[in-house]
C-alpha atoms as a PDB file:
ATOM      1  CA  MET A   1       0.000   0.000   0.000  1.00  0.00           C
ATOM      2  CA  PRO A   2       1.434   3.422  -0.883  1.00  0.00           C
ATOM      3  CA  THR A   3       2.234   5.978   1.780  1.00  0.00           C
ATOM      4  CA  PRO A   4      -0.157   8.914   2.059  1.00  0.00           C
ATOM      5  CA  PHE A   5       2.541  11.041   0.443  1.00  0.00           C
ATOM      6  CA  ALA A   6       2.724   8.734  -2.581  1.00  0.00           C
ATOM      7  CA  LEU A   7      -1.042   8.372  -2.705  1.00  0.00           C
ATOM      8  CA  PHE A   8      -1.373  12.104  -3.328  1.00  0.00           C
ATOM      9  CA  GLY A   9       1.776  12.380  -5.441  1.00  0.00           C
ATOM     10  CA  LEU A  10       3.529  14.556  -2.865  1.00  0.00           C
ATOM     11  CA  PRO A  11       7.112  14.524  -1.641  1.00  0.00           C
ATOM     12  CA  ALA A  12       7.685  12.866   1.729  1.00  0.00           C
ATOM     13  CA  THR A  13       8.497  16.036   3.617  1.00  0.00           C
ATOM     14  CA  PHE A  14       7.236  17.782   6.715  1.00  0.00           C
ATOM     15  CA  ALA A  15       6.863  21.146   4.963  1.00  0.00           C
ATOM     16  CA  LEU A  16       3.787  20.318   2.921  1.00  0.00           C
ATOM     17  CA  ASP A  17       1.809  23.018   1.191  1.00  0.00           C
ATOM     18  CA  LEU A  18      -1.665  22.255   2.563  1.00  0.00           C
ATOM     19  CA  LYS A  19      -3.343  23.932  -0.413  1.00  0.00           C
ATOM     20  CA  VAL A  20      -1.501  21.547  -2.746  1.00  0.00           C
ATOM     21  CA  LEU A  21      -2.574  18.648  -0.514  1.00  0.00           C
ATOM     22  CA  GLU A  22      -6.206  19.787  -0.688  1.00  0.00           C
ATOM     23  CA  ARG A  23      -6.027  20.067  -4.462  1.00  0.00           C
ATOM     24  CA  ALA A  24      -4.478  16.598  -4.757  1.00  0.00           C
ATOM     25  CA  GLN A  25      -7.163  15.182  -2.453  1.00  0.00           C
ATOM     26  CA  ARG A  26      -9.948  16.735  -4.536  1.00  0.00           C
ATOM     27  CA  GLU A  27      -8.463  15.423  -7.780  1.00  0.00           C
ATOM     28  CA  LEU A  28      -7.981  11.935  -6.386  1.00  0.00           C
ATOM     29  CA  GLY A  29     -11.460  12.058  -4.890  1.00  0.00           C
ATOM     30  CA  LYS A  30     -12.953  12.651  -8.335  1.00  0.00           C
ATOM     31  CA  THR A  31     -11.351   9.511  -9.715  1.00  0.00           C
ATOM     32  CA  ILE A  32     -12.157   7.204  -6.800  1.00  0.00           C
ATOM     33  CA  HIS A  33     -15.581   8.428  -5.735  1.00  0.00           C
ATOM     34  CA  PRO A  34     -17.865   5.389  -5.358  1.00  0.00           C
ATOM     35  CA  ASP A  35     -20.715   7.139  -7.184  1.00  0.00           C
ATOM     36  CA  THR A  36     -18.684   7.020 -10.402  1.00  0.00           C
ATOM     37  CA  ALA A  37     -19.104   3.229 -10.584  1.00  0.00           C
ATOM     38  CA  SER A  38     -22.208   1.357 -11.605  1.00  0.00           C
ATOM     39  CA  ASP A  39     -20.953  -2.136 -10.764  1.00  0.00           C
ATOM     40  CA  PRO A  40     -21.474  -2.980  -7.033  1.00  0.00           C
ATOM     41  CA  ALA A  41     -18.063  -4.679  -6.721  1.00  0.00           C
ATOM     42  CA  GLU A  42     -16.311  -1.706  -8.303  1.00  0.00           C
ATOM     43  CA  ARG A  43     -18.326   0.635  -6.073  1.00  0.00           C
ATOM     44  CA  ARG A  44     -17.139  -1.252  -2.965  1.00  0.00           C
ATOM     45  CA  ALA A  45     -13.531  -1.142  -4.169  1.00  0.00           C
ATOM     46  CA  LEU A  46     -13.774   2.598  -4.796  1.00  0.00           C
ATOM     47  CA  ALA A  47     -15.372   3.102  -1.375  1.00  0.00           C
ATOM     48  CA  GLU A  48     -12.392   1.354   0.215  1.00  0.00           C
ATOM     49  CA  GLN A  49      -9.956   3.449  -1.807  1.00  0.00           C
ATOM     50  CA  SER A  50     -11.872   6.562  -0.827  1.00  0.00           C
ATOM     51  CA  THR A  51     -11.621   5.605   2.846  1.00  0.00           C
ATOM     52  CA  VAL A  52      -7.864   5.083   2.542  1.00  0.00           C
ATOM     53  CA  ALA A  53      -7.525   8.438   0.762  1.00  0.00           C
ATOM     54  CA  ASN A  54      -9.557  10.242   3.435  1.00  0.00           C
ATOM     55  CA  GLU A  55      -7.447   8.689   6.212  1.00  0.00           C
ATOM     56  CA  GLY A  56      -4.261   9.632   4.359  1.00  0.00           C
ATOM     57  CA  TYR A  57      -5.486  13.184   3.876  1.00  0.00           C
ATOM     58  CA  ARG A  58      -6.265  13.562   7.584  1.00  0.00           C
ATOM     59  CA  ALA A  59      -2.855  12.090   8.468  1.00  0.00           C
ATOM     60  CA  LEU A  60      -0.980  14.529   6.249  1.00  0.00           C
ATOM     61  CA  ARG A  61      -2.972  17.563   7.425  1.00  0.00           C
ATOM     62  CA  ASP A  62      -2.033  16.874  11.045  1.00  0.00           C
ATOM     63  CA  PRO A  63       1.591  17.871  11.788  1.00  0.00           C
ATOM     64  CA  VAL A  64       1.996  15.227  14.509  1.00  0.00           C
ATOM     65  CA  THR A  65       0.775  12.384  12.317  1.00  0.00           C
ATOM     66  CA  ARG A  66       2.755  13.698   9.346  1.00  0.00           C
ATOM     67  CA  ALA A  67       5.937  13.673  11.453  1.00  0.00           C
ATOM     68  CA  GLU A  68       5.136  10.165  12.686  1.00  0.00           C
ATOM     69  CA  LEU A  69       4.794   9.009   9.076  1.00  0.00           C
ATOM     70  CA  LEU A  70       8.164  10.526   8.223  1.00  0.00           C
ATOM     71  CA  PHE A  71       9.777   8.847  11.220  1.00  0.00           C
ATOM     72  CA  GLN A  72       8.222   5.561  10.142  1.00  0.00           C
ATOM     73  CA  LEU A  73       9.724   6.014   6.662  1.00  0.00           C
ATOM     74  CA  ALA A  74      13.091   6.625   8.355  1.00  0.00           C
ATOM     75  CA  GLY A  75      12.703   3.448  10.414  1.00  0.00           C
ATOM     76  CA  VAL A  76      12.433   5.395  13.675  1.00  0.00           C
ATOM     77  CA  ALA A  77       9.881   4.247  16.248  1.00  0.00           C
ATOM     78  CA  THR A  78       7.718   6.895  17.901  1.00  0.00           C
ATOM     79  CA  GLY A  79       5.372   6.947  20.856  1.00  0.00           C
ATOM     80  CA  ASP A  80       5.756   5.962  24.479  1.00  0.00           C
ATOM     81  CA  GLY A  81       9.129   4.514  25.300  1.00  0.00           C
ATOM     82  CA  HIS A  82      10.667   5.579  21.988  1.00  0.00           C
ATOM     83  CA  GLU A  83      10.835   9.330  22.420  1.00  0.00           C
ATOM     84  CA  PRO A  84      13.042  11.335  24.779  1.00  0.00           C
ATOM     85  CA  LYS A  85      11.378  12.587  27.927  1.00  0.00           C
ATOM     86  CA  PRO A  86      10.581  16.320  27.902  1.00  0.00           C
ATOM     87  CA  THR A  87      12.880  18.476  29.979  1.00  0.00           C
ATOM     88  CA  ALA A  88      11.838  19.496  33.456  1.00  0.00           C
ATOM     89  CA  ALA A  89      11.722  23.125  32.318  1.00  0.00           C
ATOM     90  CA  PHE A  90       9.373  22.276  29.439  1.00  0.00           C
ATOM     91  CA  LEU A  91       7.096  20.228  31.702  1.00  0.00           C
ATOM     92  CA  MET A  92       7.039  22.990  34.332  1.00  0.00           C
ATOM     93  CA  ASP A  93       6.164  25.586  31.692  1.00  0.00           C
ATOM     94  CA  MET A  94       3.338  23.426  30.358  1.00  0.00           C
ATOM     95  CA  LEU A  95       2.078  22.751  33.891  1.00  0.00           C
ATOM     96  CA  GLU A  96       2.007  26.471  34.659  1.00  0.00           C
ATOM     97  CA  LYS A  97       0.141  27.183  31.415  1.00  0.00           C
ATOM     98  CA  ARG A  98      -2.379  24.404  32.107  1.00  0.00           C
ATOM     99  CA  GLU A  99      -2.977  25.795  35.598  1.00  0.00           C
ATOM    100  CA  ALA A 100      -3.461  29.278  34.136  1.00  0.00           C
ATOM    101  CA  LEU A 101      -5.882  27.817  31.581  1.00  0.00           C
ATOM    102  CA  ALA A 102      -7.826  26.047  34.338  1.00  0.00           C
ATOM    103  CA  GLU A 103      -8.030  29.269  36.365  1.00  0.00           C
ATOM    104  CA  ALA A 104      -9.138  31.246  33.307  1.00  0.00           C
ATOM    105  CA  ARG A 105     -11.773  28.625  32.545  1.00  0.00           C
ATOM    106  CA  THR A 106     -13.095  28.750  36.102  1.00  0.00           C
ATOM    107  CA  SER A 107     -13.269  32.542  36.095  1.00  0.00           C
ATOM    108  CA  LYS A 108     -14.545  32.609  32.492  1.00  0.00           C
ATOM    109  CA  ASP A 109     -11.639  34.869  31.508  1.00  0.00           C
ATOM    110  CA  ARG A 110     -11.827  34.697  27.719  1.00  0.00           C
ATOM    111  CA  ALA A 111      -8.920  37.103  27.153  1.00  0.00           C
ATOM    112  CA  THR A 112      -6.554  34.917  29.175  1.00  0.00           C
ATOM    113  CA  VAL A 113      -7.639  31.730  27.375  1.00  0.00           C
ATOM    114  CA  GLU A 114      -7.104  33.445  24.017  1.00  0.00           C
ATOM    115  CA  ALA A 115      -3.710  34.829  25.100  1.00  0.00           C
ATOM    116  CA  LEU A 116      -2.544  31.427  26.344  1.00  0.00           C
ATOM    117  CA  ALA A 117      -3.708  29.774  23.134  1.00  0.00           C
ATOM    118  CA  ALA A 118      -1.880  32.397  21.061  1.00  0.00           C
ATOM    119  CA  GLU A 119       1.318  31.817  23.042  1.00  0.00           C
ATOM    120  CA  ILE A 120       1.077  28.043  22.561  1.00  0.00           C
ATOM    121  CA  ARG A 121       0.357  28.495  18.832  1.00  0.00           C
ATOM    122  CA  THR A 122       3.574  30.513  18.573  1.00  0.00           C
ATOM    123  CA  GLN A 123       5.503  27.732  20.329  1.00  0.00           C
ATOM    124  CA  ARG A 124       3.813  25.104  18.143  1.00  0.00           C
ATOM    125  CA  ASN A 125       4.739  27.057  15.011  1.00  0.00           C
ATOM    126  CA  ALA A 126       8.370  27.194  16.167  1.00  0.00           C
ATOM    127  CA  ALA A 127       8.402  23.429  16.790  1.00  0.00           C
ATOM    128  CA  GLU A 128       6.873  22.831  13.351  1.00  0.00           C
ATOM    129  CA  ALA A 129       9.500  25.073  11.739  1.00  0.00           C
ATOM    130  CA  ALA A 130      12.259  23.177  13.539  1.00  0.00           C
ATOM    131  CA  LEU A 131      10.829  19.836  12.378  1.00  0.00           C
ATOM    132  CA  SER A 132      10.533  21.165   8.870  1.00  0.00           C
ATOM    133  CA  ALA A 133      14.207  22.172   8.914  1.00  0.00           C
ATOM    134  CA  LEU A 134      15.304  18.822  10.345  1.00  0.00           C
ATOM    135  CA  PHE A 135      13.347  16.843   7.730  1.00  0.00           C
ATOM    136  CA  SER A 136      14.207  19.177   4.835  1.00  0.00           C
ATOM    137  CA  GLY A 137      16.264  17.563   2.111  1.00  0.00           C
ATOM    138  CA  VAL A 138      17.275  14.672   4.338  1.00  0.00           C
ATOM    139  CA  VAL A 139      17.349  11.093   3.144  1.00  0.00           C
ATOM    140  CA  PRO A 140      15.318   9.180   5.770  1.00  0.00           C
ATOM    141  CA  SER A 141      18.283   7.021   6.768  1.00  0.00           C
ATOM    142  CA  GLN A 142      20.334  10.179   7.513  1.00  0.00           C
ATOM    143  CA  LEU A 143      17.757  11.833   9.756  1.00  0.00           C
ATOM    144  CA  ASP A 144      19.097  13.061  13.099  1.00  0.00           C
ATOM    145  CA  ALA A 145      16.155  11.579  14.979  1.00  0.00           C
ATOM    146  CA  GLN A 146      16.781  12.731  18.556  1.00  0.00           C
ATOM    147  CA  PRO A 147      16.199  16.476  18.091  1.00  0.00           C
ATOM    148  CA  ALA A 148      13.302  15.782  15.754  1.00  0.00           C
ATOM    149  CA  LEU A 149      11.709  13.460  18.319  1.00  0.00           C
ATOM    150  CA  VAL A 150      11.978  16.191  20.961  1.00  0.00           C
ATOM    151  CA  HIS A 151      10.013  18.566  18.728  1.00  0.00           C
ATOM    152  CA  LEU A 152       7.446  15.854  17.983  1.00  0.00           C
ATOM    153  CA  GLY A 153       6.908  15.383  21.718  1.00  0.00           C
ATOM    154  CA  SER A 154       6.460  19.134  22.135  1.00  0.00           C
ATOM    155  CA  LEU A 155       3.890  19.180  19.328  1.00  0.00           C
ATOM    156  CA  ARG A 156       1.863  16.553  21.172  1.00  0.00           C
ATOM    157  CA  TYR A 157       1.717  18.748  24.281  1.00  0.00           C
ATOM    158  CA  TYR A 158       0.836  21.844  22.242  1.00  0.00           C
ATOM    159  CA  ARG A 159      -1.924  20.021  20.371  1.00  0.00           C
ATOM    160  CA  ARG A 160      -3.564  18.830  23.609  1.00  0.00           C
ATOM    161  CA  PHE A 161      -3.359  22.301  25.128  1.00  0.00           C
ATOM    162  CA  LEU A 162      -4.867  23.942  22.056  1.00  0.00           C
ATOM    163  CA  GLU A 163      -7.633  21.349  21.871  1.00  0.00           C
ATOM    164  CA  GLU A 164      -8.542  22.132  25.479  1.00  0.00           C
ATOM    165  CA  ALA A 165      -8.410  25.897  24.948  1.00  0.00           C
ATOM    166  CA  THR A 166     -10.495  25.645  21.771  1.00  0.00           C
ATOM    167  CA  ALA A 167     -13.051  23.406  23.491  1.00  0.00           C
ATOM    168  CA  THR A 168     -13.345  25.955  26.295  1.00  0.00           C
ATOM    169  CA  LEU A 169     -13.910  28.831  23.864  1.00  0.00           C
ATOM    170  CA  ASP A 170     -16.391  26.770  21.819  1.00  0.00           C
ATOM    171  CA  GLU A 171     -18.286  25.861  24.986  1.00  0.00           C
ATOM    172  CA  TRP A 172     -18.558  29.516  25.924  1.00  0.00           C
ATOM    173  CA  ASP A 173     -19.665  30.453  22.414  1.00  0.00           C
ATOM    174  CA  ASP A 174     -22.392  27.789  22.459  1.00  0.00           C
ATOM    175  CA  ALA A 175     -23.709  28.929  25.859  1.00  0.00           C
END
């Protein structure tokens, strides 16, 4: 089975142009849409291909999953037990931000939630830029995995924080 990168005809790199990915997904979607087939067996096959394409698209859109795919191509295991532990300073910073988010949520302080989210987005963008640089132009077997794995771990923390902050803001907007 081809990688999501190959499926969409894209280079296996962290720095993907998401507009190009969307265009490739739309074009592929036109050719594998189940409604284009009249034969039930062909329709089922196209439905399966469409599912694989949709999963690949979601994987490539998400920076964490995209990095995991690149590590997999490089033969580097990711996840618990395979990635370096975050530094104490990083963990303390995240703990302080989570506590501030919890306090802001309790006091319904929208400005603080938005400010914290903006700060984490800036840190996430820096981690993504660092990953992009580390993966740029590197043959998978020559990847310096340790620093890249550190940034991947940071992205996981940032994603969870931003999901929580966004959920809080959405909850307030729906109330």
